[in-house]
Amino acid sequence: MPVETLAAYAGSYDVPDGGKTVIAEITVEGDTLFWNYDGEGKQKLDPVSESAFSLAGTWIEFVRGGPGPATHFLMKTVEGETKAVRRK
């Protein structure tokens, strides 16, 4: 996957979680995307498509409103779908 595409997903996102907001940090190292949820440590996101990644059964799909960075991602689990918005 092009590093430019991965770079468009990197950033901090606000994730609603049980009545509070948690920060998910998305970073790029080389040609790999990593996830750090609420400071718990980096985990590798495995690519499924150009915009979707898998993390231990959780589906993370990044959404872009054009050629710029992702505006949000959708986190899909067996419990449902959560929208996480990029921090300004």
N, C-alpha and C. Protein backbone atom coordinates (compact mmCIF):
# COMPACT_ATOMS: atom_id res chain seq x y z
N MET A 1 0.85 -1.18 0.00
CA MET A 1 0.00 0.00 0.00
C MET A 1 0.89 1.24 0.00
N PRO A 2 0.53 2.25 -0.78
CA PRO A 2 1.36 3.46 -0.83
C PRO A 2 1.46 4.16 0.53
N VAL A 3 2.67 4.58 0.86
CA VAL A 3 2.91 5.27 2.14
C VAL A 3 2.07 6.55 2.21
N GLU A 4 1.84 7.21 1.07
CA GLU A 4 1.03 8.44 1.04
C GLU A 4 -0.40 8.15 1.52
N THR A 5 -0.92 7.00 1.15
CA THR A 5 -2.27 6.62 1.58
C THR A 5 -2.29 6.38 3.08
N LEU A 6 -1.30 5.65 3.57
CA LEU A 6 -1.22 5.39 5.01
C LEU A 6 -1.07 6.69 5.79
N ALA A 7 -0.27 7.62 5.27
CA ALA A 7 -0.07 8.91 5.95
C ALA A 7 -1.37 9.69 6.08
N ALA A 8 -2.29 9.51 5.13
CA ALA A 8 -3.58 10.20 5.19
C ALA A 8 -4.43 9.69 6.34
N TYR A 9 -4.14 8.51 6.85
CA TYR A 9 -4.90 7.93 7.97
C TYR A 9 -4.29 8.26 9.33
N ALA A 10 -3.01 8.63 9.34
CA ALA A 10 -2.31 8.91 10.60
C ALA A 10 -2.92 10.13 11.29
N GLY A 11 -3.01 10.06 12.60
CA GLY A 11 -3.53 11.17 13.39
C GLY A 11 -4.19 10.68 14.66
N SER A 12 -4.82 11.61 15.36
CA SER A 12 -5.52 11.31 16.61
C SER A 12 -7.02 11.36 16.35
N TYR A 13 -7.73 10.38 16.90
CA TYR A 13 -9.17 10.27 16.70
C TYR A 13 -9.88 10.13 18.04
N ASP A 14 -11.02 10.79 18.17
CA ASP A 14 -11.86 10.66 19.37
C ASP A 14 -12.82 9.50 19.17
N VAL A 15 -12.75 8.53 20.08
CA VAL A 15 -13.57 7.33 19.98
C VAL A 15 -14.52 7.29 21.18
N PRO A 16 -15.85 7.32 20.95
CA PRO A 16 -16.79 7.16 22.05
C PRO A 16 -16.70 5.73 22.60
N ASP A 17 -16.57 5.61 23.92
CA ASP A 17 -16.40 4.29 24.53
C ASP A 17 -17.06 4.28 25.90
N GLY A 18 -18.24 3.70 25.98
CA GLY A 18 -18.91 3.56 27.27
C GLY A 18 -19.21 4.86 27.98
N GLY A 19 -19.65 5.87 27.26
CA GLY A 19 -20.00 7.14 27.87
C GLY A 19 -18.84 8.11 28.02
N LYS A 20 -17.66 7.72 27.65
CA LYS A 20 -16.50 8.62 27.69
C LYS A 20 -15.86 8.65 26.31
N THR A 21 -14.91 9.56 26.11
CA THR A 21 -14.18 9.64 24.85
C THR A 21 -12.75 9.20 25.07
N VAL A 22 -12.31 8.28 24.24
CA VAL A 22 -10.95 7.75 24.31
C VAL A 22 -10.22 8.17 23.04
N ILE A 23 -8.92 8.39 23.14
CA ILE A 23 -8.13 8.80 21.98
C ILE A 23 -7.45 7.58 21.37
N ALA A 24 -7.61 7.43 20.06
CA ALA A 24 -6.88 6.42 19.30
C ALA A 24 -5.85 7.15 18.45
N GLU A 25 -4.59 6.80 18.64
CA GLU A 25 -3.50 7.38 17.86
C GLU A 25 -3.15 6.41 16.73
N ILE A 26 -3.20 6.90 15.52
CA ILE A 26 -2.83 6.10 14.35
C ILE A 26 -1.50 6.63 13.82
N THR A 27 -0.51 5.76 13.71
CA THR A 27 0.81 6.17 13.24
C THR A 27 1.28 5.26 12.10
N VAL A 28 2.25 5.76 11.36
CA VAL A 28 2.84 5.01 10.25
C VAL A 28 4.31 4.80 10.57
N GLU A 29 4.76 3.56 10.41
CA GLU A 29 6.18 3.24 10.52
C GLU A 29 6.53 2.41 9.29
N GLY A 30 7.34 2.99 8.42
CA GLY A 30 7.66 2.32 7.16
C GLY A 30 6.41 2.19 6.31
N ASP A 31 6.04 0.97 6.00
CA ASP A 31 4.83 0.73 5.21
C ASP A 31 3.74 0.06 6.03
N THR A 32 3.77 0.31 7.35
CA THR A 32 2.82 -0.33 8.27
C THR A 32 2.08 0.72 9.09
N LEU A 33 0.78 0.48 9.29
CA LEU A 33 -0.06 1.35 10.10
C LEU A 33 -0.20 0.73 11.49
N PHE A 34 -0.08 1.58 12.51
CA PHE A 34 -0.21 1.12 13.90
C PHE A 34 -1.32 1.88 14.61
N TRP A 35 -1.87 1.26 15.61
CA TRP A 35 -2.99 1.76 16.41
C TRP A 35 -2.55 1.76 17.86
N ASN A 36 -2.80 2.85 18.57
CA ASN A 36 -2.55 2.92 20.01
C ASN A 36 -3.83 3.46 20.64
N TYR A 37 -4.59 2.56 21.26
CA TYR A 37 -5.90 2.89 21.82
C TYR A 37 -5.76 3.23 23.29
N ASP A 38 -6.06 4.47 23.63
CA ASP A 38 -6.06 4.92 25.03
C ASP A 38 -4.72 4.68 25.72
N GLY A 39 -3.62 4.82 24.96
CA GLY A 39 -2.28 4.69 25.55
C GLY A 39 -1.90 3.27 25.93
N GLU A 40 -2.60 2.27 25.40
CA GLU A 40 -2.33 0.88 25.78
C GLU A 40 -1.15 0.27 25.04
N GLY A 41 -0.57 0.98 24.10
CA GLY A 41 0.56 0.45 23.34
C GLY A 41 0.21 0.21 21.89
N LYS A 42 1.21 0.25 21.04
CA LYS A 42 1.00 0.12 19.60
C LYS A 42 0.68 -1.31 19.21
N GLN A 43 -0.28 -1.42 18.28
CA GLN A 43 -0.61 -2.70 17.68
C GLN A 43 -0.70 -2.51 16.17
N LYS A 44 -0.21 -3.48 15.44
CA LYS A 44 -0.21 -3.41 13.98
C LYS A 44 -1.61 -3.61 13.43
N LEU A 45 -1.97 -2.76 12.45
CA LEU A 45 -3.23 -2.92 11.73
C LEU A 45 -2.92 -3.66 10.43
N ASP A 46 -3.58 -4.78 10.20
CA ASP A 46 -3.36 -5.58 9.00
C ASP A 46 -4.28 -5.11 7.88
N PRO A 47 -3.72 -4.75 6.72
CA PRO A 47 -4.55 -4.24 5.62
C PRO A 47 -5.46 -5.33 5.05
N VAL A 48 -6.70 -4.93 4.78
CA VAL A 48 -7.69 -5.79 4.14
C VAL A 48 -7.99 -5.23 2.75
N SER A 49 -8.02 -3.90 2.67
CA SER A 49 -8.19 -3.18 1.41
C SER A 49 -7.43 -1.87 1.54
N GLU A 50 -7.58 -0.96 0.58
CA GLU A 50 -6.86 0.30 0.67
C GLU A 50 -7.33 1.18 1.82
N SER A 51 -8.56 0.99 2.28
CA SER A 51 -9.07 1.84 3.37
C SER A 51 -9.47 1.05 4.62
N ALA A 52 -9.44 -0.28 4.56
CA ALA A 52 -9.89 -1.10 5.70
C ALA A 52 -8.74 -1.94 6.25
N PHE A 53 -8.76 -2.09 7.57
CA PHE A 53 -7.72 -2.83 8.28
C PHE A 53 -8.36 -3.71 9.34
N SER A 54 -7.65 -4.75 9.72
CA SER A 54 -8.13 -5.68 10.73
C SER A 54 -7.22 -5.64 11.95
N LEU A 55 -7.85 -5.74 13.11
CA LEU A 55 -7.11 -5.79 14.37
C LEU A 55 -7.80 -6.79 15.28
N ALA A 56 -7.33 -8.01 15.32
CA ALA A 56 -7.86 -9.05 16.21
C ALA A 56 -9.39 -9.13 16.17
N GLY A 57 -9.95 -9.21 14.98
CA GLY A 57 -11.40 -9.35 14.84
C GLY A 57 -12.15 -8.04 14.75
N THR A 58 -11.47 -6.93 14.95
CA THR A 58 -12.09 -5.61 14.80
C THR A 58 -11.74 -5.06 13.43
N TRP A 59 -12.74 -4.52 12.74
CA TRP A 59 -12.57 -3.97 11.40
C TRP A 59 -12.50 -2.46 11.53
N ILE A 60 -11.43 -1.84 11.03
CA ILE A 60 -11.25 -0.39 11.08
C ILE A 60 -11.26 0.11 9.63
N GLU A 61 -12.22 0.97 9.30
CA GLU A 61 -12.30 1.49 7.94
C GLU A 61 -12.20 3.01 7.96
N PHE A 62 -11.18 3.54 7.28
CA PHE A 62 -10.94 4.97 7.23
C PHE A 62 -11.77 5.60 6.12
N VAL A 63 -12.28 6.80 6.39
CA VAL A 63 -13.12 7.52 5.43
C VAL A 63 -12.47 8.87 5.14
N ARG A 64 -12.31 9.16 3.85
CA ARG A 64 -11.74 10.43 3.41
C ARG A 64 -12.79 11.20 2.63
N GLY A 65 -12.81 12.51 2.79
CA GLY A 65 -13.75 13.36 2.06
C GLY A 65 -13.17 13.92 0.79
N GLY A 66 -12.11 13.35 0.29
CA GLY A 66 -11.41 13.85 -0.89
C GLY A 66 -9.97 13.42 -0.82
N PRO A 67 -9.08 14.18 -1.45
CA PRO A 67 -7.68 13.77 -1.50
C PRO A 67 -6.89 14.00 -0.20
N GLY A 68 -7.46 14.69 0.76
CA GLY A 68 -6.75 15.01 2.01
C GLY A 68 -6.79 13.87 3.01
N PRO A 69 -6.51 14.21 4.26
CA PRO A 69 -6.48 13.18 5.31
C PRO A 69 -7.88 12.62 5.61
N ALA A 70 -7.89 11.47 6.26
CA ALA A 70 -9.15 10.85 6.68
C ALA A 70 -9.88 11.78 7.64
N THR A 71 -11.18 11.85 7.52
CA THR A 71 -12.00 12.67 8.42
C THR A 71 -12.43 11.87 9.65
N HIS A 72 -12.56 10.55 9.47
CA HIS A 72 -12.97 9.68 10.56
C HIS A 72 -12.70 8.22 10.18
N PHE A 73 -12.91 7.34 11.15
CA PHE A 73 -12.90 5.92 10.82
C PHE A 73 -14.10 5.27 11.47
N LEU A 74 -14.51 4.16 10.90
CA LEU A 74 -15.59 3.34 11.44
C LEU A 74 -14.96 2.09 12.03
N MET A 75 -15.27 1.84 13.30
CA MET A 75 -14.75 0.67 13.99
C MET A 75 -15.91 -0.32 14.10
N LYS A 76 -15.76 -1.46 13.44
CA LYS A 76 -16.84 -2.44 13.39
C LYS A 76 -16.45 -3.69 14.18
N THR A 77 -17.30 -4.01 15.15
CA THR A 77 -17.11 -5.21 15.98
C THR A 77 -18.41 -6.00 15.98
N VAL A 78 -18.42 -7.14 16.64
CA VAL A 78 -19.66 -7.92 16.72
C VAL A 78 -20.75 -7.16 17.48
N GLU A 79 -20.33 -6.24 18.36
CA GLU A 79 -21.29 -5.45 19.13
C GLU A 79 -21.94 -4.33 18.32
N GLY A 80 -21.31 -3.94 17.21
CA GLY A 80 -21.86 -2.86 16.39
C GLY A 80 -20.77 -2.01 15.78
N GLU A 81 -21.16 -0.81 15.36
CA GLU A 81 -20.25 0.10 14.66
C GLU A 81 -20.11 1.40 15.45
N THR A 82 -18.88 1.89 15.55
CA THR A 82 -18.59 3.13 16.24
C THR A 82 -17.85 4.07 15.28
N LYS A 83 -18.27 5.33 15.27
CA LYS A 83 -17.60 6.33 14.43
C LYS A 83 -16.63 7.13 15.29
N ALA A 84 -15.37 7.16 14.86
CA ALA A 84 -14.32 7.91 15.55
C ALA A 84 -13.90 9.08 14.66
N VAL A 85 -13.97 10.29 15.19
CA VAL A 85 -13.72 11.50 14.42
C VAL A 85 -12.31 12.01 14.66
N ARG A 86 -11.64 12.41 13.57
CA ARG A 86 -10.29 12.96 13.67
C ARG A 86 -10.31 14.22 14.52
N ARG A 87 -9.34 14.34 15.42
CA ARG A 87 -9.20 15.55 16.24
C ARG A 87 -8.67 16.67 15.38
N LYS A 88 -9.09 17.89 15.63
CA LYS A 88 -8.63 19.06 14.87
C LYS A 88 -7.27 19.50 15.33
